[in-house]
Amino acid sequence: SIVGQLTLENSEWEAAQHVFTLGIIVQSGYRNSGLGHALIEASIEVARERGKKKIILSTFATNKMGIALYNSCGFKEIGRYSKQYLIQNEYIDEILMEYWIG
């Protein structure tokens, strides 16, 4: 069965063809197992092989485990959208992060 998934998407803008957008999900029973870290490290290698210079992502500010994972892989917070989502009557910020491959 599938326990984790990662996507890398190209930007539609020609001026941002050097950027991949990362999306990742790992089933709750498999978090903190190293799977997320391995997926992200593999995505950085794929991006490098394809000539990309940057990977971006966004996440809920409440996703503490994910944010710790992204930081451990070298992603940096570059901004946030305040009160971007309304979930169960609570506003949640969206955090924007990037990894510069160079």
C-alpha atoms as a PDB file:
ATOM      1  CA  SER A   1       0.000   0.000   0.000  1.00  0.00           C
ATOM      2  CA  ILE A   2       1.037   3.591  -0.502  1.00  0.00           C
ATOM      3  CA  VAL A   3       2.125   5.267   2.748  1.00  0.00           C
ATOM      4  CA  GLY A   4       3.673   8.437   1.344  1.00  0.00           C
ATOM      5  CA  GLN A   5       3.611  10.579  -1.756  1.00  0.00           C
ATOM      6  CA  LEU A   6       5.636  13.501  -3.044  1.00  0.00           C
ATOM      7  CA  THR A   7       5.006  15.643  -6.103  1.00  0.00           C
ATOM      8  CA  LEU A   8       7.199  18.186  -7.868  1.00  0.00           C
ATOM      9  CA  GLU A   9       5.354  20.559 -10.168  1.00  0.00           C
ATOM     10  CA  ASN A  10       6.743  22.949 -12.753  1.00  0.00           C
ATOM     11  CA  SER A  11       5.628  26.548 -12.750  1.00  0.00           C
ATOM     12  CA  GLU A  12       3.400  27.586 -15.630  1.00  0.00           C
ATOM     13  CA  TRP A  13       5.307  30.864 -15.917  1.00  0.00           C
ATOM     14  CA  GLU A  14       8.297  30.851 -18.242  1.00  0.00           C
ATOM     15  CA  ALA A  15      10.178  33.186 -15.887  1.00  0.00           C
ATOM     16  CA  ALA A  16       9.873  30.608 -13.082  1.00  0.00           C
ATOM     17  CA  GLN A  17      10.922  27.484 -14.974  1.00  0.00           C
ATOM     18  CA  HIS A  18      13.849  27.133 -12.571  1.00  0.00           C
ATOM     19  CA  VAL A  19      11.415  26.428  -9.704  1.00  0.00           C
ATOM     20  CA  PHE A  20       9.634  23.247  -8.577  1.00  0.00           C
ATOM     21  CA  THR A  21       6.663  23.329  -6.185  1.00  0.00           C
ATOM     22  CA  LEU A  22       6.771  20.471  -3.687  1.00  0.00           C
ATOM     23  CA  GLY A  23       3.780  18.672  -2.244  1.00  0.00           C
ATOM     24  CA  ILE A  24       4.165  15.847   0.260  1.00  0.00           C
ATOM     25  CA  ILE A  25       1.945  13.651   2.386  1.00  0.00           C
ATOM     26  CA  VAL A  26       2.860  10.763   4.673  1.00  0.00           C
ATOM     27  CA  GLN A  27       0.256   8.623   6.425  1.00  0.00           C
ATOM     28  CA  SER A  28       0.118   9.377  10.137  1.00  0.00           C
ATOM     29  CA  GLY A  29       1.361   5.934  11.189  1.00  0.00           C
ATOM     30  CA  TYR A  30       4.535   6.431   9.146  1.00  0.00           C
ATOM     31  CA  ARG A  31       5.490   9.920  10.300  1.00  0.00           C
ATOM     32  CA  ASN A  32       8.777  10.299  12.207  1.00  0.00           C
ATOM     33  CA  SER A  33      10.050   7.167  10.476  1.00  0.00           C
ATOM     34  CA  GLY A  34      12.470   8.934   8.125  1.00  0.00           C
ATOM     35  CA  LEU A  35      10.198   8.419   5.118  1.00  0.00           C
ATOM     36  CA  GLY A  36       9.373  12.118   4.683  1.00  0.00           C
ATOM     37  CA  HIS A  37      13.031  13.075   4.983  1.00  0.00           C
ATOM     38  CA  ALA A  38      14.026  10.446   2.395  1.00  0.00           C
ATOM     39  CA  LEU A  39      11.324  11.632  -0.013  1.00  0.00           C
ATOM     40  CA  ILE A  40      12.411  15.263   0.286  1.00  0.00           C
ATOM     41  CA  GLU A  41      16.097  14.428  -0.099  1.00  0.00           C
ATOM     42  CA  ALA A  42      15.257  12.424  -3.242  1.00  0.00           C
ATOM     43  CA  SER A  43      13.213  15.354  -4.588  1.00  0.00           C
ATOM     44  CA  ILE A  44      16.166  17.711  -4.114  1.00  0.00           C
ATOM     45  CA  GLU A  45      18.339  15.339  -6.156  1.00  0.00           C
ATOM     46  CA  VAL A  46      15.686  15.108  -8.901  1.00  0.00           C
ATOM     47  CA  ALA A  47      15.413  18.894  -8.982  1.00  0.00           C
ATOM     48  CA  ARG A  48      19.189  19.240  -9.213  1.00  0.00           C
ATOM     49  CA  GLU A  49      19.370  16.648 -12.029  1.00  0.00           C
ATOM     50  CA  ARG A  50      16.686  18.543 -13.948  1.00  0.00           C
ATOM     51  CA  GLY A  51      18.481  21.864 -13.627  1.00  0.00           C
ATOM     52  CA  LYS A  52      16.099  23.455 -11.134  1.00  0.00           C
ATOM     53  CA  LYS A  53      17.473  26.123  -8.814  1.00  0.00           C
ATOM     54  CA  LYS A  54      14.747  26.327  -6.168  1.00  0.00           C
ATOM     55  CA  ILE A  55      11.990  24.265  -4.541  1.00  0.00           C
ATOM     56  CA  ILE A  56       9.070  25.993  -2.840  1.00  0.00           C
ATOM     57  CA  LEU A  57       6.269  24.739  -0.611  1.00  0.00           C
ATOM     58  CA  SER A  58       3.562  25.996   1.672  1.00  0.00           C
ATOM     59  CA  THR A  59       2.043  24.486   4.801  1.00  0.00           C
ATOM     60  CA  PHE A  60      -0.367  25.227   7.613  1.00  0.00           C
ATOM     61  CA  ALA A  61       1.243  27.062  10.532  1.00  0.00           C
ATOM     62  CA  THR A  62      -0.249  24.345  12.754  1.00  0.00           C
ATOM     63  CA  ASN A  63       1.772  21.633  10.959  1.00  0.00           C
ATOM     64  CA  LYS A  64       4.595  21.640  13.516  1.00  0.00           C
ATOM     65  CA  MET A  65       5.875  18.176  12.564  1.00  0.00           C
ATOM     66  CA  GLY A  66       6.000  19.106   8.879  1.00  0.00           C
ATOM     67  CA  ILE A  67       7.703  22.434   9.550  1.00  0.00           C
ATOM     68  CA  ALA A  68      10.365  20.650  11.638  1.00  0.00           C
ATOM     69  CA  LEU A  69      10.887  18.195   8.764  1.00  0.00           C
ATOM     70  CA  TYR A  70      11.212  20.968   6.169  1.00  0.00           C
ATOM     71  CA  ASN A  71      13.660  22.886   8.358  1.00  0.00           C
ATOM     72  CA  SER A  72      15.743  19.738   8.908  1.00  0.00           C
ATOM     73  CA  CYS A  73      15.967  19.323   5.118  1.00  0.00           C
ATOM     74  CA  GLY A  74      17.229  22.895   4.681  1.00  0.00           C
ATOM     75  CA  PHE A  75      14.027  24.755   3.803  1.00  0.00           C
ATOM     76  CA  LYS A  76      13.717  28.306   5.133  1.00  0.00           C
ATOM     77  CA  GLU A  77      10.534  30.185   6.008  1.00  0.00           C
ATOM     78  CA  ILE A  78      10.273  33.196   3.717  1.00  0.00           C
ATOM     79  CA  GLY A  79       6.839  34.496   4.610  1.00  0.00           C
ATOM     80  CA  ARG A  80       3.291  33.736   5.549  1.00  0.00           C
ATOM     81  CA  TYR A  81      -0.265  34.534   4.619  1.00  0.00           C
ATOM     82  CA  SER A  82      -2.064  35.552   7.780  1.00  0.00           C
ATOM     83  CA  LYS A  83      -5.434  33.897   8.433  1.00  0.00           C
ATOM     84  CA  GLN A  84      -5.310  32.194   5.031  1.00  0.00           C
ATOM     85  CA  TYR A  85      -7.529  29.230   5.932  1.00  0.00           C
ATOM     86  CA  LEU A  86     -10.662  28.830   8.031  1.00  0.00           C
ATOM     87  CA  ILE A  87     -10.828  25.324   9.476  1.00  0.00           C
ATOM     88  CA  GLN A  88     -13.356  24.373  12.151  1.00  0.00           C
ATOM     89  CA  ASN A  89     -14.028  28.055  12.866  1.00  0.00           C
ATOM     90  CA  GLU A  90     -10.339  28.805  13.421  1.00  0.00           C
ATOM     91  CA  TYR A  91      -8.164  30.930  11.139  1.00  0.00           C
ATOM     92  CA  ILE A  92      -4.816  29.377  10.280  1.00  0.00           C
ATOM     93  CA  ASP A  93      -1.799  31.047   8.683  1.00  0.00           C
ATOM     94  CA  GLU A  94      -0.113  29.572   5.618  1.00  0.00           C
ATOM     95  CA  ILE A  95       3.684  29.402   5.853  1.00  0.00           C
ATOM     96  CA  LEU A  96       5.766  29.799   2.699  1.00  0.00           C
ATOM     97  CA  MET A  97       9.132  28.033   2.529  1.00  0.00           C
ATOM     98  CA  GLU A  98      11.903  27.589  -0.013  1.00  0.00           C
ATOM     99  CA  TYR A  99      15.041  25.567  -0.600  1.00  0.00           C
ATOM    100  CA  TRP A 100      17.713  27.198  -2.759  1.00  0.00           C
ATOM    101  CA  ILE A 101      19.682  24.637  -4.783  1.00  0.00           C
ATOM    102  CA  GLY A 102      21.758  27.245  -6.582  1.00  0.00           C
END
